[in-house]
Amino acid sequence: MADNIRVQSLLSAEIGGAFLSSDVLSKTLTPGASDLDLGSGTQIIGTGSDEAIAQSPDVAGIRLIEVRNLDATNYVEISNATGGSFATGLFCRLLPSGPPLLVTIPSGSTLYAKANTANCRISWKVVEYGN
């Protein structure tokens, strides 16, 4: 079997009689090399200060990452900046038990997370796509 990464998404809605339909969008990607790494895990995200989303230490370079908030009550904010710049780099809010975030992270970049009211558990999957 050839090395590949498959990504799928679907967004549809029905609100107040309006309907937004969508097909399943699917894309198969060919990794940039055959010796790339992947990993998955869970992590508790606190409310005090932002923290890096942990990833398998061998996964580097350009990465595809899926992050899901497993908490049923509280949201988690995602940023590409840390510390005093966290709010400036904020680009996503993972809703309680909501849909996952799926993004490509450039080589050398990190995602940071912070829970809003109480600690939240997230799950993540990461696949190295290239160097």
N, C-alpha and C. Protein backbone atom coordinates (compact mmCIF):
# COMPACT_ATOMS: atom_id res chain seq x y z
N MET A 1 0.84 -1.18 0.00
CA MET A 1 0.00 0.00 0.00
C MET A 1 0.89 1.24 0.00
N ALA A 2 0.57 2.18 -0.83
CA ALA A 2 1.32 3.43 -0.92
C ALA A 2 1.06 4.29 0.31
N ASP A 3 2.06 5.11 0.68
CA ASP A 3 1.89 6.05 1.78
C ASP A 3 0.89 7.12 1.35
N ASN A 4 -0.11 7.39 2.19
CA ASN A 4 -1.04 8.47 1.90
C ASN A 4 -1.70 8.95 3.18
N ILE A 5 -2.24 10.14 3.10
CA ILE A 5 -2.99 10.75 4.19
C ILE A 5 -4.34 11.13 3.62
N ARG A 6 -5.43 10.71 4.27
CA ARG A 6 -6.76 11.03 3.77
C ARG A 6 -7.45 11.99 4.73
N VAL A 7 -8.02 13.05 4.19
CA VAL A 7 -8.72 14.07 4.95
C VAL A 7 -10.12 14.20 4.39
N GLN A 8 -11.14 14.24 5.28
CA GLN A 8 -12.52 14.42 4.83
C GLN A 8 -13.18 15.49 5.70
N SER A 9 -14.14 16.21 5.10
CA SER A 9 -14.93 17.17 5.89
C SER A 9 -16.33 17.27 5.31
N LEU A 10 -17.25 17.71 6.15
CA LEU A 10 -18.64 17.92 5.76
C LEU A 10 -19.21 19.00 6.66
N LEU A 11 -19.82 20.01 6.06
CA LEU A 11 -20.51 21.05 6.82
C LEU A 11 -21.87 21.26 6.18
N SER A 12 -22.93 21.02 6.95
CA SER A 12 -24.28 21.30 6.47
C SER A 12 -25.08 21.85 7.64
N ALA A 13 -26.18 22.54 7.35
CA ALA A 13 -26.99 23.14 8.41
C ALA A 13 -28.42 23.34 7.94
N GLU A 14 -29.34 23.35 8.90
CA GLU A 14 -30.72 23.73 8.66
C GLU A 14 -31.12 24.64 9.81
N ILE A 15 -31.37 25.93 9.50
CA ILE A 15 -31.67 26.91 10.53
C ILE A 15 -32.83 27.78 10.04
N GLY A 16 -33.91 27.80 10.81
CA GLY A 16 -35.05 28.67 10.49
C GLY A 16 -35.61 28.44 9.10
N GLY A 17 -35.58 27.23 8.62
CA GLY A 17 -36.10 26.92 7.30
C GLY A 17 -35.07 27.05 6.19
N ALA A 18 -33.95 27.70 6.46
CA ALA A 18 -32.86 27.79 5.48
C ALA A 18 -32.01 26.53 5.58
N PHE A 19 -31.54 26.08 4.44
CA PHE A 19 -30.77 24.84 4.41
C PHE A 19 -29.47 25.06 3.65
N LEU A 20 -28.40 24.62 4.23
CA LEU A 20 -27.08 24.66 3.61
C LEU A 20 -26.64 23.22 3.42
N SER A 21 -26.57 22.81 2.17
CA SER A 21 -26.17 21.42 1.92
C SER A 21 -24.69 21.37 1.58
N SER A 22 -24.15 20.19 1.73
CA SER A 22 -22.73 20.02 1.44
C SER A 22 -22.47 18.58 1.08
N ASP A 23 -21.53 18.39 0.21
CA ASP A 23 -21.03 17.06 -0.09
C ASP A 23 -19.85 16.78 0.83
N VAL A 24 -19.54 15.53 1.02
CA VAL A 24 -18.33 15.18 1.74
C VAL A 24 -17.15 15.55 0.86
N LEU A 25 -16.31 16.41 1.39
CA LEU A 25 -15.10 16.79 0.66
C LEU A 25 -13.99 15.87 1.12
N SER A 26 -13.33 15.24 0.18
CA SER A 26 -12.30 14.26 0.51
C SER A 26 -11.05 14.55 -0.31
N LYS A 27 -9.92 14.46 0.34
CA LYS A 27 -8.65 14.69 -0.33
C LYS A 27 -7.64 13.67 0.17
N THR A 28 -6.96 13.02 -0.75
CA THR A 28 -5.88 12.12 -0.39
C THR A 28 -4.57 12.80 -0.73
N LEU A 29 -3.71 12.91 0.26
CA LEU A 29 -2.43 13.59 0.12
C LEU A 29 -1.31 12.56 0.09
N THR A 30 -0.30 12.83 -0.69
CA THR A 30 0.88 11.98 -0.72
C THR A 30 1.95 12.66 0.10
N PRO A 31 2.42 12.02 1.18
CA PRO A 31 3.45 12.64 2.01
C PRO A 31 4.71 12.94 1.20
N GLY A 32 5.47 13.94 1.69
CA GLY A 32 6.68 14.37 1.01
C GLY A 32 7.84 13.40 1.13
N ALA A 33 7.73 12.39 1.98
CA ALA A 33 8.79 11.39 2.15
C ALA A 33 8.15 10.14 2.75
N SER A 34 8.88 9.04 2.76
CA SER A 34 8.32 7.79 3.28
C SER A 34 8.72 7.52 4.73
N ASP A 35 9.55 8.37 5.32
CA ASP A 35 10.00 8.13 6.70
C ASP A 35 9.39 9.13 7.68
N LEU A 36 8.17 9.56 7.41
CA LEU A 36 7.51 10.55 8.25
C LEU A 36 6.82 9.88 9.43
N ASP A 37 6.56 10.66 10.49
CA ASP A 37 6.01 10.12 11.72
C ASP A 37 4.58 10.60 11.95
N LEU A 38 3.89 9.96 12.88
CA LEU A 38 2.53 10.33 13.26
C LEU A 38 2.33 9.99 14.72
N GLY A 39 1.26 10.52 15.31
CA GLY A 39 1.00 10.24 16.71
C GLY A 39 -0.37 10.75 17.13
N SER A 40 -0.77 10.38 18.35
CA SER A 40 -2.05 10.82 18.90
C SER A 40 -1.95 10.79 20.42
N GLY A 41 -2.86 11.50 21.06
CA GLY A 41 -2.87 11.50 22.51
C GLY A 41 -3.96 12.38 23.06
N THR A 42 -4.00 12.48 24.37
CA THR A 42 -4.92 13.39 25.06
C THR A 42 -4.10 14.26 26.00
N GLN A 43 -4.70 15.37 26.40
CA GLN A 43 -3.99 16.33 27.23
C GLN A 43 -5.00 17.16 28.00
N ILE A 44 -4.71 17.48 29.25
CA ILE A 44 -5.54 18.38 30.04
C ILE A 44 -5.04 19.81 29.78
N ILE A 45 -5.95 20.69 29.38
CA ILE A 45 -5.63 22.09 29.14
C ILE A 45 -6.20 22.89 30.30
N GLY A 46 -5.33 23.68 30.95
CA GLY A 46 -5.73 24.47 32.10
C GLY A 46 -6.25 25.84 31.73
N THR A 47 -6.68 26.59 32.76
CA THR A 47 -7.24 27.92 32.57
C THR A 47 -6.26 29.03 32.92
N GLY A 48 -5.22 28.72 33.66
CA GLY A 48 -4.32 29.75 34.17
C GLY A 48 -3.51 30.45 33.10
N SER A 49 -2.80 29.69 32.32
CA SER A 49 -2.00 30.26 31.23
C SER A 49 -2.04 29.29 30.07
N ASP A 50 -1.70 29.80 28.90
CA ASP A 50 -1.74 28.94 27.72
C ASP A 50 -0.62 27.90 27.80
N GLU A 51 -0.81 26.81 27.09
CA GLU A 51 0.21 25.76 27.04
C GLU A 51 0.26 25.16 25.65
N ALA A 52 1.45 24.70 25.29
CA ALA A 52 1.64 24.09 23.98
C ALA A 52 0.83 22.80 23.90
N ILE A 53 0.21 22.57 22.75
CA ILE A 53 -0.46 21.30 22.52
C ILE A 53 0.63 20.27 22.28
N ALA A 54 0.68 19.28 23.15
CA ALA A 54 1.72 18.26 23.08
C ALA A 54 1.58 17.47 21.79
N GLN A 55 2.70 17.08 21.25
CA GLN A 55 2.71 16.23 20.07
C GLN A 55 3.80 15.20 20.24
N SER A 56 3.73 14.14 19.50
CA SER A 56 4.79 13.14 19.54
C SER A 56 6.11 13.83 19.22
N PRO A 57 7.15 13.59 20.01
CA PRO A 57 8.41 14.31 19.83
C PRO A 57 9.08 14.08 18.47
N ASP A 58 8.82 12.97 17.82
CA ASP A 58 9.44 12.70 16.52
C ASP A 58 8.72 13.35 15.36
N VAL A 59 7.53 13.90 15.61
CA VAL A 59 6.75 14.53 14.54
C VAL A 59 7.20 15.99 14.41
N ALA A 60 7.81 16.31 13.29
CA ALA A 60 8.33 17.66 13.06
C ALA A 60 7.98 18.07 11.64
N GLY A 61 8.60 19.11 11.16
CA GLY A 61 8.33 19.56 9.79
C GLY A 61 6.90 20.05 9.64
N ILE A 62 6.38 20.00 8.43
CA ILE A 62 5.00 20.39 8.16
C ILE A 62 4.08 19.29 8.68
N ARG A 63 3.05 19.67 9.45
CA ARG A 63 2.18 18.68 10.07
C ARG A 63 0.72 19.02 9.85
N LEU A 64 -0.09 17.99 9.72
CA LEU A 64 -1.55 18.12 9.79
C LEU A 64 -1.93 17.71 11.20
N ILE A 65 -2.74 18.54 11.87
CA ILE A 65 -3.15 18.20 13.23
C ILE A 65 -4.66 18.36 13.36
N GLU A 66 -5.26 17.40 14.04
CA GLU A 66 -6.68 17.46 14.38
C GLU A 66 -6.76 17.56 15.89
N VAL A 67 -7.48 18.58 16.39
CA VAL A 67 -7.64 18.78 17.83
C VAL A 67 -9.12 18.82 18.15
N ARG A 68 -9.52 18.07 19.16
CA ARG A 68 -10.94 17.98 19.56
C ARG A 68 -11.05 18.27 21.06
N ASN A 69 -12.05 19.08 21.42
CA ASN A 69 -12.34 19.35 22.83
C ASN A 69 -13.28 18.27 23.34
N LEU A 70 -12.86 17.52 24.34
CA LEU A 70 -13.67 16.43 24.87
C LEU A 70 -14.56 16.87 26.04
N ASP A 71 -14.39 18.10 26.51
CA ASP A 71 -15.18 18.61 27.62
C ASP A 71 -16.60 18.91 27.16
N ALA A 72 -17.58 18.57 27.98
CA ALA A 72 -18.99 18.76 27.60
C ALA A 72 -19.53 20.14 27.97
N THR A 73 -18.75 20.94 28.71
CA THR A 73 -19.27 22.21 29.22
C THR A 73 -18.47 23.44 28.78
N ASN A 74 -17.17 23.34 28.74
CA ASN A 74 -16.30 24.49 28.55
C ASN A 74 -15.59 24.48 27.20
N TYR A 75 -15.27 25.66 26.69
CA TYR A 75 -14.55 25.74 25.42
C TYR A 75 -13.05 25.90 25.64
N VAL A 76 -12.29 25.68 24.59
CA VAL A 76 -10.83 25.82 24.59
C VAL A 76 -10.46 26.76 23.45
N GLU A 77 -9.62 27.75 23.76
CA GLU A 77 -9.15 28.67 22.73
C GLU A 77 -7.81 28.18 22.19
N ILE A 78 -7.60 28.36 20.88
CA ILE A 78 -6.38 27.93 20.20
C ILE A 78 -5.71 29.14 19.57
N SER A 79 -4.40 29.24 19.77
CA SER A 79 -3.63 30.37 19.26
C SER A 79 -2.32 29.87 18.67
N ASN A 80 -1.73 30.68 17.80
CA ASN A 80 -0.40 30.36 17.28
C ASN A 80 0.67 31.18 18.00
N ALA A 81 0.29 31.83 19.11
CA ALA A 81 1.23 32.62 19.90
C ALA A 81 1.06 32.27 21.38
N THR A 82 2.07 32.56 22.17
CA THR A 82 2.04 32.21 23.59
C THR A 82 2.26 33.45 24.44
N GLY A 83 2.02 33.30 25.75
CA GLY A 83 2.26 34.38 26.69
C GLY A 83 1.39 35.59 26.41
N GLY A 84 1.99 36.79 26.47
CA GLY A 84 1.26 38.02 26.26
C GLY A 84 0.71 38.18 24.86
N SER A 85 1.19 37.39 23.91
CA SER A 85 0.71 37.46 22.53
C SER A 85 -0.39 36.45 22.22
N PHE A 86 -0.79 35.64 23.22
CA PHE A 86 -1.79 34.59 22.99
C PHE A 86 -3.05 35.17 22.35
N ALA A 87 -3.59 36.25 22.90
CA ALA A 87 -4.84 36.83 22.39
C ALA A 87 -4.68 37.33 20.96
N THR A 88 -3.51 37.84 20.62
CA THR A 88 -3.27 38.34 19.27
C THR A 88 -3.26 37.22 18.25
N GLY A 89 -2.73 36.05 18.64
CA GLY A 89 -2.66 34.91 17.73
C GLY A 89 -3.87 34.00 17.77
N LEU A 90 -4.87 34.35 18.59
CA LEU A 90 -6.07 33.53 18.75
C LEU A 90 -6.81 33.39 17.42
N PHE A 91 -7.08 32.15 17.00
CA PHE A 91 -7.79 31.96 15.73
C PHE A 91 -8.89 30.92 15.79
N CYS A 92 -9.09 30.29 16.94
CA CYS A 92 -10.10 29.23 16.99
C CYS A 92 -10.62 29.04 18.41
N ARG A 93 -11.89 28.70 18.51
CA ARG A 93 -12.49 28.30 19.78
C ARG A 93 -13.08 26.91 19.55
N LEU A 94 -12.57 25.93 20.29
CA LEU A 94 -13.12 24.57 20.22
C LEU A 94 -14.31 24.50 21.17
N LEU A 95 -15.50 24.33 20.61
CA LEU A 95 -16.72 24.29 21.40
C LEU A 95 -16.78 23.03 22.25
N PRO A 96 -17.55 23.06 23.35
CA PRO A 96 -17.69 21.86 24.18
C PRO A 96 -18.20 20.68 23.35
N SER A 97 -17.50 19.59 23.37
CA SER A 97 -17.85 18.38 22.62
C SER A 97 -18.16 18.68 21.16
N GLY A 98 -17.59 19.73 20.63
CA GLY A 98 -17.90 20.19 19.28
C GLY A 98 -17.02 19.55 18.21
N PRO A 99 -17.13 20.09 17.00
CA PRO A 99 -16.35 19.54 15.89
C PRO A 99 -14.86 19.83 16.09
N PRO A 100 -14.01 19.02 15.50
CA PRO A 100 -12.57 19.22 15.67
C PRO A 100 -12.03 20.34 14.79
N LEU A 101 -10.86 20.80 15.17
CA LEU A 101 -10.08 21.72 14.36
C LEU A 101 -9.12 20.87 13.55
N LEU A 102 -8.99 21.15 12.26
CA LEU A 102 -8.03 20.46 11.41
C LEU A 102 -7.25 21.50 10.65
N VAL A 103 -5.96 21.60 10.94
CA VAL A 103 -5.11 22.62 10.30
C VAL A 103 -3.76 22.03 9.92
N THR A 104 -3.11 22.73 9.02
CA THR A 104 -1.73 22.42 8.66
C THR A 104 -0.83 23.38 9.44
N ILE A 105 0.17 22.84 10.09
CA ILE A 105 1.10 23.65 10.88
C ILE A 105 2.44 23.70 10.15
N PRO A 106 2.95 24.90 9.88
CA PRO A 106 4.25 25.01 9.23
C PRO A 106 5.37 24.45 10.10
N SER A 107 6.44 24.08 9.48
CA SER A 107 7.63 23.60 10.19
C SER A 107 8.08 24.64 11.21
N GLY A 108 8.39 24.20 12.41
CA GLY A 108 8.88 25.10 13.45
C GLY A 108 7.80 25.84 14.22
N SER A 109 6.53 25.63 13.88
CA SER A 109 5.43 26.32 14.55
C SER A 109 4.80 25.44 15.62
N THR A 110 4.13 26.07 16.58
CA THR A 110 3.47 25.37 17.67
C THR A 110 2.08 25.96 17.86
N LEU A 111 1.13 25.13 18.26
CA LEU A 111 -0.20 25.60 18.64
C LEU A 111 -0.28 25.62 20.16
N TYR A 112 -0.96 26.65 20.69
CA TYR A 112 -1.12 26.82 22.13
C TYR A 112 -2.60 26.83 22.46
N ALA A 113 -2.95 26.33 23.65
CA ALA A 113 -4.35 26.22 24.04
C ALA A 113 -4.55 26.74 25.46
N LYS A 114 -5.79 27.21 25.72
CA LYS A 114 -6.16 27.68 27.05
C LYS A 114 -7.65 27.44 27.22
N ALA A 115 -8.04 26.83 28.33
CA ALA A 115 -9.45 26.57 28.63
C ALA A 115 -10.08 27.82 29.23
N ASN A 116 -11.41 27.98 29.05
CA ASN A 116 -12.02 29.23 29.49
C ASN A 116 -12.40 29.26 30.97
N THR A 117 -13.08 28.25 31.50
CA THR A 117 -13.59 28.31 32.87
C THR A 117 -13.06 27.19 33.76
N ALA A 118 -12.89 26.03 33.22
CA ALA A 118 -12.39 24.88 33.98
C ALA A 118 -11.47 24.07 33.06
N ASN A 119 -10.59 23.30 33.67
CA ASN A 119 -9.70 22.46 32.88
C ASN A 119 -10.50 21.60 31.90
N CYS A 120 -9.96 21.42 30.70
CA CYS A 120 -10.61 20.63 29.66
C CYS A 120 -9.64 19.59 29.12
N ARG A 121 -10.15 18.42 28.81
CA ARG A 121 -9.33 17.40 28.14
C ARG A 121 -9.54 17.55 26.63
N ILE A 122 -8.42 17.55 25.90
CA ILE A 122 -8.48 17.56 24.45
C ILE A 122 -7.86 16.26 23.94
N SER A 123 -8.21 15.89 22.73
CA SER A 123 -7.51 14.80 22.05
C SER A 123 -6.88 15.40 20.80
N TRP A 124 -5.78 14.83 20.38
CA TRP A 124 -5.11 15.31 19.18
C TRP A 124 -4.55 14.15 18.38
N LYS A 125 -4.53 14.36 17.08
CA LYS A 125 -3.89 13.43 16.14
C LYS A 125 -3.01 14.29 15.25
N VAL A 126 -1.80 13.83 15.00
CA VAL A 126 -0.87 14.62 14.19
C VAL A 126 -0.16 13.71 13.19
N VAL A 127 -0.01 14.20 11.97
CA VAL A 127 0.67 13.46 10.91
C VAL A 127 1.69 14.39 10.26
N GLU A 128 2.92 13.94 10.21
CA GLU A 128 3.96 14.70 9.52
C GLU A 128 3.72 14.58 8.03
N TYR A 129 3.70 15.72 7.35
CA TYR A 129 3.37 15.75 5.92
C TYR A 129 4.60 16.00 5.05
N GLY A 130 5.57 16.69 5.56
CA GLY A 130 6.77 17.00 4.79
C GLY A 130 7.75 17.77 5.64
N ASN A 131 8.86 18.11 5.06
CA ASN A 131 9.91 18.83 5.81
C ASN A 131 9.87 20.31 5.56
